[in-house]
Amino acid sequence: VWEARAPRPPRDETRFAYLGRLVDWKGVGLAVAAFDLVARRAPRATLDIVGDGPLRAELEADVARRRLDGRVRFT
């Protein structure tokens, strides 16, 4: 029996993603804050934020303030 599986990242690499409109009520700012806590314990963890909206510039500034520039990517 053949079973399709997604490739797993290496154990020391953890990837998170947010997909949606960048608006306050969706909680993406909370996702960035939570990732900041995770990033302290997982040095190779990354967060991809896929979407656009009125909070993008504010979120980018928050990421820079938290010094997560290379680990949080906006697409």
PDB file of N, CA and C in Angstrom:
ATOM      1  N   VAL A   1       0.853  -1.174   0.000  1.00  0.00           N
ATOM      2  CA  VAL A   1       0.000   0.000   0.000  1.00  0.00           C
ATOM      3  C   VAL A   1       0.892   1.227   0.000  1.00  0.00           C
ATOM      4  N   TRP A   2       0.645   2.130  -0.934  1.00  0.00           N
ATOM      5  CA  TRP A   2       1.420   3.360  -1.050  1.00  0.00           C
ATOM      6  C   TRP A   2       0.696   4.473  -0.311  1.00  0.00           C
ATOM      7  N   GLU A   3       1.433   5.241   0.464  1.00  0.00           N
ATOM      8  CA  GLU A   3       0.843   6.320   1.248  1.00  0.00           C
ATOM      9  C   GLU A   3       1.617   7.609   0.988  1.00  0.00           C
ATOM     10  N   ALA A   4       0.919   8.647   0.563  1.00  0.00           N
ATOM     11  CA  ALA A   4       1.565   9.942   0.316  1.00  0.00           C
ATOM     12  C   ALA A   4       1.744  10.685   1.630  1.00  0.00           C
ATOM     13  N   ARG A   5       2.931  11.219   1.835  1.00  0.00           N
ATOM     14  CA  ARG A   5       3.212  11.998   3.042  1.00  0.00           C
ATOM     15  C   ARG A   5       3.989  13.241   2.662  1.00  0.00           C
ATOM     16  N   ALA A   6       3.698  14.308   3.360  1.00  0.00           N
ATOM     17  CA  ALA A   6       4.450  15.548   3.151  1.00  0.00           C
ATOM     18  C   ALA A   6       5.835  15.375   3.763  1.00  0.00           C
ATOM     19  N   PRO A   7       6.865  15.933   3.110  1.00  0.00           N
ATOM     20  CA  PRO A   7       8.198  15.823   3.711  1.00  0.00           C
ATOM     21  C   PRO A   7       8.243  16.561   5.038  1.00  0.00           C
ATOM     22  N   ARG A   8       8.914  15.986   5.984  1.00  0.00           N
ATOM     23  CA  ARG A   8       9.029  16.597   7.309  1.00  0.00           C
ATOM     24  C   ARG A   8      10.300  17.435   7.373  1.00  0.00           C
ATOM     25  N   PRO A   9      10.208  18.614   8.003  1.00  0.00           N
ATOM     26  CA  PRO A   9      11.426  19.399   8.185  1.00  0.00           C
ATOM     27  C   PRO A   9      12.344  18.710   9.194  1.00  0.00           C
ATOM     28  N   PRO A  10      13.632  19.025   9.164  1.00  0.00           N
ATOM     29  CA  PRO A  10      14.521  18.449  10.174  1.00  0.00           C
ATOM     30  C   PRO A  10      14.004  18.752  11.581  1.00  0.00           C
ATOM     31  N   ARG A  11      14.324  17.907  12.537  1.00  0.00           N
ATOM     32  CA  ARG A  11      13.823  18.063  13.897  1.00  0.00           C
ATOM     33  C   ARG A  11      14.097  19.435  14.494  1.00  0.00           C
ATOM     34  N   ASP A  12      15.223  20.026  14.168  1.00  0.00           N
ATOM     35  CA  ASP A  12      15.556  21.313  14.767  1.00  0.00           C
ATOM     36  C   ASP A  12      15.001  22.494  13.975  1.00  0.00           C
ATOM     37  N   GLU A  13      14.212  22.230  12.954  1.00  0.00           N
ATOM     38  CA  GLU A  13      13.614  23.298  12.159  1.00  0.00           C
ATOM     39  C   GLU A  13      12.093  23.209  12.261  1.00  0.00           C
ATOM     40  N   THR A  14      11.470  24.275  12.736  1.00  0.00           N
ATOM     41  CA  THR A  14      10.028  24.309  12.878  1.00  0.00           C
ATOM     42  C   THR A  14       9.495  25.457  12.044  1.00  0.00           C
ATOM     43  N   ARG A  15       8.466  25.192  11.259  1.00  0.00           N
ATOM     44  CA  ARG A  15       7.899  26.213  10.393  1.00  0.00           C
ATOM     45  C   ARG A  15       6.446  26.461  10.776  1.00  0.00           C
ATOM     46  N   PHE A  16       6.104  27.745  10.870  1.00  0.00           N
ATOM     47  CA  PHE A  16       4.737  28.156  11.147  1.00  0.00           C
ATOM     48  C   PHE A  16       4.266  29.033   9.997  1.00  0.00           C
ATOM     49  N   ALA A  17       2.970  29.093   9.799  1.00  0.00           N
ATOM     50  CA  ALA A  17       2.437  29.929   8.730  1.00  0.00           C
ATOM     51  C   ALA A  17       1.110  30.549   9.159  1.00  0.00           C
ATOM     52  N   TYR A  18       0.904  31.775   8.711  1.00  0.00           N
ATOM     53  CA  TYR A  18      -0.379  32.464   8.862  1.00  0.00           C
ATOM     54  C   TYR A  18      -0.829  32.794   7.456  1.00  0.00           C
ATOM     55  N   LEU A  19      -2.050  32.483   7.130  1.00  0.00           N
ATOM     56  CA  LEU A  19      -2.604  32.774   5.817  1.00  0.00           C
ATOM     57  C   LEU A  19      -3.917  33.496   6.016  1.00  0.00           C
ATOM     58  N   GLY A  20      -3.976  34.743   5.576  1.00  0.00           N
ATOM     59  CA  GLY A  20      -5.214  35.497   5.718  1.00  0.00           C
ATOM     60  C   GLY A  20      -4.993  36.985   5.558  1.00  0.00           C
ATOM     61  N   ARG A  21      -6.065  37.713   5.629  1.00  0.00           N
ATOM     62  CA  ARG A  21      -6.020  39.163   5.517  1.00  0.00           C
ATOM     63  C   ARG A  21      -5.397  39.732   6.791  1.00  0.00           C
ATOM     64  N   LEU A  22      -4.551  40.732   6.630  1.00  0.00           N
ATOM     65  CA  LEU A  22      -3.850  41.334   7.765  1.00  0.00           C
ATOM     66  C   LEU A  22      -4.703  42.455   8.356  1.00  0.00           C
ATOM     67  N   VAL A  23      -5.676  42.034   9.148  1.00  0.00           N
ATOM     68  CA  VAL A  23      -6.575  42.953   9.841  1.00  0.00           C
ATOM     69  C   VAL A  23      -6.565  42.600  11.329  1.00  0.00           C
ATOM     70  N   ASP A  24      -6.874  43.570  12.142  1.00  0.00           N
ATOM     71  CA  ASP A  24      -6.761  43.421  13.592  1.00  0.00           C
ATOM     72  C   ASP A  24      -7.575  42.258  14.147  1.00  0.00           C
ATOM     73  N   TRP A  25      -8.796  42.106  13.712  1.00  0.00           N
ATOM     74  CA  TRP A  25      -9.688  41.121  14.326  1.00  0.00           C
ATOM     75  C   TRP A  25      -9.290  39.676  14.033  1.00  0.00           C
ATOM     76  N   LYS A  26      -8.335  39.447  13.113  1.00  0.00           N
ATOM     77  CA  LYS A  26      -7.897  38.076  12.826  1.00  0.00           C
ATOM     78  C   LYS A  26      -6.774  37.620  13.746  1.00  0.00           C
ATOM     79  N   GLY A  27      -6.187  38.525  14.531  1.00  0.00           N
ATOM     80  CA  GLY A  27      -5.214  38.135  15.533  1.00  0.00           C
ATOM     81  C   GLY A  27      -3.808  37.854  15.034  1.00  0.00           C
ATOM     82  N   VAL A  28      -3.467  38.367  13.866  1.00  0.00           N
ATOM     83  CA  VAL A  28      -2.122  38.101  13.349  1.00  0.00           C
ATOM     84  C   VAL A  28      -1.044  38.747  14.228  1.00  0.00           C
ATOM     85  N   GLY A  29      -1.352  39.857  14.871  1.00  0.00           N
ATOM     86  CA  GLY A  29      -0.404  40.465  15.809  1.00  0.00           C
ATOM     87  C   GLY A  29      -0.113  39.539  16.974  1.00  0.00           C
ATOM     88  N   LEU A  30      -1.115  38.826  17.427  1.00  0.00           N
ATOM     89  CA  LEU A  30      -0.945  37.838  18.489  1.00  0.00           C
ATOM     90  C   LEU A  30      -0.079  36.672  18.002  1.00  0.00           C
ATOM     91  N   ALA A  31      -0.232  36.308  16.740  1.00  0.00           N
ATOM     92  CA  ALA A  31       0.596  35.239  16.165  1.00  0.00           C
ATOM     93  C   ALA A  31       2.066  35.644  16.163  1.00  0.00           C
ATOM     94  N   VAL A  32       2.351  36.899  15.839  1.00  0.00           N
ATOM     95  CA  VAL A  32       3.737  37.390  15.850  1.00  0.00           C
ATOM     96  C   VAL A  32       4.279  37.379  17.279  1.00  0.00           C
ATOM     97  N   ALA A  33       3.480  37.833  18.227  1.00  0.00           N
ATOM     98  CA  ALA A  33       3.911  37.842  19.626  1.00  0.00           C
ATOM     99  C   ALA A  33       4.165  36.421  20.127  1.00  0.00           C
ATOM    100  N   ALA A  34       3.309  35.486  19.767  1.00  0.00           N
ATOM    101  CA  ALA A  34       3.492  34.094  20.177  1.00  0.00           C
ATOM    102  C   ALA A  34       4.739  33.505  19.525  1.00  0.00           C
ATOM    103  N   PHE A  35       4.952  33.834  18.253  1.00  0.00           N
ATOM    104  CA  PHE A  35       6.147  33.331  17.585  1.00  0.00           C
ATOM    105  C   PHE A  35       7.412  33.873  18.238  1.00  0.00           C
ATOM    106  N   ASP A  36       7.371  35.091  18.724  1.00  0.00           N
ATOM    107  CA  ASP A  36       8.527  35.663  19.421  1.00  0.00           C
ATOM    108  C   ASP A  36       8.926  34.768  20.599  1.00  0.00           C
ATOM    109  N   LEU A  37       7.956  34.265  21.338  1.00  0.00           N
ATOM    110  CA  LEU A  37       8.232  33.365  22.459  1.00  0.00           C
ATOM    111  C   LEU A  37       8.804  32.031  21.976  1.00  0.00           C
ATOM    112  N   VAL A  38       8.229  31.502  20.924  1.00  0.00           N
ATOM    113  CA  VAL A  38       8.706  30.236  20.361  1.00  0.00           C
ATOM    114  C   VAL A  38      10.126  30.391  19.835  1.00  0.00           C
ATOM    115  N   ALA A  39      10.390  31.501  19.164  1.00  0.00           N
ATOM    116  CA  ALA A  39      11.687  31.728  18.524  1.00  0.00           C
ATOM    117  C   ALA A  39      12.831  31.747  19.532  1.00  0.00           C
ATOM    118  N   ARG A  40      12.547  32.125  20.742  1.00  0.00           N
ATOM    119  CA  ARG A  40      13.592  32.144  21.771  1.00  0.00           C
ATOM    120  C   ARG A  40      14.072  30.743  22.120  1.00  0.00           C
ATOM    121  N   ARG A  41      13.205  29.755  21.989  1.00  0.00           N
ATOM    122  CA  ARG A  41      13.560  28.373  22.323  1.00  0.00           C
ATOM    123  C   ARG A  41      13.897  27.536  21.102  1.00  0.00           C
ATOM    124  N   ALA A  42      13.493  27.987  19.940  1.00  0.00           N
ATOM    125  CA  ALA A  42      13.727  27.234  18.702  1.00  0.00           C
ATOM    126  C   ALA A  42      14.449  28.148  17.718  1.00  0.00           C
ATOM    127  N   PRO A  43      15.768  28.170  17.750  1.00  0.00           N
ATOM    128  CA  PRO A  43      16.526  29.136  16.965  1.00  0.00           C
ATOM    129  C   PRO A  43      16.391  29.005  15.452  1.00  0.00           C
ATOM    130  N   ARG A  44      15.895  27.876  14.974  1.00  0.00           N
ATOM    131  CA  ARG A  44      15.727  27.730  13.527  1.00  0.00           C
ATOM    132  C   ARG A  44      14.261  27.805  13.095  1.00  0.00           C
ATOM    133  N   ALA A  45      13.367  28.154  14.002  1.00  0.00           N
ATOM    134  CA  ALA A  45      11.944  28.272  13.668  1.00  0.00           C
ATOM    135  C   ALA A  45      11.715  29.486  12.774  1.00  0.00           C
ATOM    136  N   THR A  46      10.736  29.371  11.881  1.00  0.00           N
ATOM    137  CA  THR A  46      10.376  30.475  11.002  1.00  0.00           C
ATOM    138  C   THR A  46       8.861  30.646  10.987  1.00  0.00           C
ATOM    139  N   LEU A  47       8.428  31.840  10.614  1.00  0.00           N
ATOM    140  CA  LEU A  47       7.007  32.149  10.464  1.00  0.00           C
ATOM    141  C   LEU A  47       6.810  32.811   9.114  1.00  0.00           C
ATOM    142  N   ASP A  48       5.950  32.239   8.291  1.00  0.00           N
ATOM    143  CA  ASP A  48       5.579  32.839   7.008  1.00  0.00           C
ATOM    144  C   ASP A  48       4.207  33.467   7.163  1.00  0.00           C
ATOM    145  N   ILE A  49       4.105  34.735   6.815  1.00  0.00           N
ATOM    146  CA  ILE A  49       2.826  35.443   6.847  1.00  0.00           C
ATOM    147  C   ILE A  49       2.431  35.692   5.402  1.00  0.00           C
ATOM    148  N   VAL A  50       1.369  35.030   4.981  1.00  0.00           N
ATOM    149  CA  VAL A  50       0.907  35.114   3.600  1.00  0.00           C
ATOM    150  C   VAL A  50      -0.397  35.887   3.589  1.00  0.00           C
ATOM    151  N   GLY A  51      -0.378  37.064   3.002  1.00  0.00           N
ATOM    152  CA  GLY A  51      -1.569  37.890   2.940  1.00  0.00           C
ATOM    153  C   GLY A  51      -1.198  39.359   2.905  1.00  0.00           C
ATOM    154  N   ASP A  52      -2.210  40.187   2.823  1.00  0.00           N
ATOM    155  CA  ASP A  52      -1.992  41.630   2.798  1.00  0.00           C
ATOM    156  C   ASP A  52      -3.178  42.291   3.484  1.00  0.00           C
ATOM    157  N   GLY A  53      -2.982  43.534   3.863  1.00  0.00           N
ATOM    158  CA  GLY A  53      -4.055  44.265   4.514  1.00  0.00           C
ATOM    159  C   GLY A  53      -3.528  45.500   5.203  1.00  0.00           C
ATOM    160  N   PRO A  54      -4.397  46.234   5.871  1.00  0.00           N
ATOM    161  CA  PRO A  54      -4.027  47.511   6.468  1.00  0.00           C
ATOM    162  C   PRO A  54      -3.002  47.415   7.603  1.00  0.00           C
ATOM    163  N   LEU A  55      -2.816  46.248   8.193  1.00  0.00           N
ATOM    164  CA  LEU A  55      -1.858  46.115   9.300  1.00  0.00           C
ATOM    165  C   LEU A  55      -0.452  45.721   8.862  1.00  0.00           C
ATOM    166  N   ARG A  56      -0.240  45.567   7.567  1.00  0.00           N
ATOM    167  CA  ARG A  56       1.056  45.050   7.113  1.00  0.00           C
ATOM    168  C   ARG A  56       2.232  45.890   7.617  1.00  0.00           C
ATOM    169  N   ALA A  57       2.206  47.194   7.430  1.00  0.00           N
ATOM    170  CA  ALA A  57       3.328  48.048   7.850  1.00  0.00           C
ATOM    171  C   ALA A  57       3.533  47.967   9.367  1.00  0.00           C
ATOM    172  N   GLU A  58       2.457  47.946  10.115  1.00  0.00           N
ATOM    173  CA  GLU A  58       2.546  47.847  11.569  1.00  0.00           C
ATOM    174  C   GLU A  58       3.155  46.506  11.998  1.00  0.00           C
ATOM    175  N   LEU A  59       2.750  45.441  11.334  1.00  0.00           N
ATOM    176  CA  LEU A  59       3.293  44.119  11.649  1.00  0.00           C
ATOM    177  C   LEU A  59       4.771  44.028  11.280  1.00  0.00           C
ATOM    178  N   GLU A  60       5.140  44.594  10.144  1.00  0.00           N
ATOM    179  CA  GLU A  60       6.550  44.600   9.743  1.00  0.00           C
ATOM    180  C   GLU A  60       7.395  45.363  10.760  1.00  0.00           C
ATOM    181  N   ALA A  61       6.867  46.467  11.265  1.00  0.00           N
ATOM    182  CA  ALA A  61       7.584  47.241  12.286  1.00  0.00           C
ATOM    183  C   ALA A  61       7.697  46.439  13.586  1.00  0.00           C
ATOM    184  N   ASP A  62       6.647  45.718  13.947  1.00  0.00           N
ATOM    185  CA  ASP A  62       6.675  44.893  15.153  1.00  0.00           C
ATOM    186  C   ASP A  62       7.713  43.783  15.022  1.00  0.00           C
ATOM    187  N   VAL A  63       7.777  43.164  13.861  1.00  0.00           N
ATOM    188  CA  VAL A  63       8.764  42.115  13.605  1.00  0.00           C
ATOM    189  C   VAL A  63      10.178  42.692  13.734  1.00  0.00           C
ATOM    190  N   ALA A  64      10.404  43.862  13.172  1.00  0.00           N
ATOM    191  CA  ALA A  64      11.724  44.506  13.266  1.00  0.00           C
ATOM    192  C   ALA A  64      12.049  44.851  14.718  1.00  0.00           C
ATOM    193  N   ARG A  65      11.079  45.368  15.456  1.00  0.00           N
ATOM    194  CA  ARG A  65      11.291  45.732  16.859  1.00  0.00           C
ATOM    195  C   ARG A  65      11.650  44.505  17.694  1.00  0.00           C
ATOM    196  N   ARG A  66      11.067  43.380  17.361  1.00  0.00           N
ATOM    197  CA  ARG A  66      11.345  42.140  18.084  1.00  0.00           C
ATOM    198  C   ARG A  66      12.607  41.434  17.568  1.00  0.00           C
ATOM    199  N   ARG A  67      13.237  42.014  16.571  1.00  0.00           N
ATOM    200  CA  ARG A  67      14.461  41.475  15.954  1.00  0.00           C
ATOM    201  C   ARG A  67      14.240  40.078  15.374  1.00  0.00           C
ATOM    202  N   LEU A  68      13.126  39.933  14.676  1.00  0.00           N
ATOM    203  CA  LEU A  68      12.783  38.671  14.028  1.00  0.00           C
ATOM    204  C   LEU A  68      12.854  38.782  12.511  1.00  0.00           C
ATOM    205  N   ASP A  69      13.527  39.817  12.021  1.00  0.00           N
ATOM    206  CA  ASP A  69      13.550  40.127  10.590  1.00  0.00           C
ATOM    207  C   ASP A  69      13.825  38.920   9.689  1.00  0.00           C
ATOM    208  N   GLY A  70      14.845  38.156   9.961  1.00  0.00           N
ATOM    209  CA  GLY A  70      15.192  37.044   9.086  1.00  0.00           C
ATOM    210  C   GLY A  70      14.352  35.806   9.306  1.00  0.00           C
ATOM    211  N   ARG A  71      13.516  35.814  10.319  1.00  0.00           N
ATOM    212  CA  ARG A  71      12.769  34.613  10.664  1.00  0.00           C
ATOM    213  C   ARG A  71      11.269  34.715  10.396  1.00  0.00           C
ATOM    214  N   VAL A  72      10.791  35.927  10.204  1.00  0.00           N
ATOM    215  CA  VAL A  72       9.388  36.138   9.822  1.00  0.00           C
ATOM    216  C   VAL A  72       9.402  36.712   8.416  1.00  0.00           C
ATOM    217  N   ARG A  73       8.740  36.018   7.500  1.00  0.00           N
ATOM    218  CA  ARG A  73       8.716  36.448   6.098  1.00  0.00           C
ATOM    219  C   ARG A  73       7.306  36.815   5.686  1.00  0.00           C
ATOM    220  N   PHE A  74       7.177  37.950   5.034  1.00  0.00           N
ATOM    221  CA  PHE A  74       5.891  38.404   4.504  1.00  0.00           C
ATOM    222  C   PHE A  74       5.853  38.115   3.006  1.00  0.00           C
ATOM    223  N   THR A  75       4.773  37.474   2.555  1.00  0.00           N
ATOM    224  CA  THR A  75       4.612  37.222   1.116  1.00  0.00           C
ATOM    225  C   THR A  75       3.229  37.611   0.666  1.00  0.00           C
TER     226      THR A  75
END
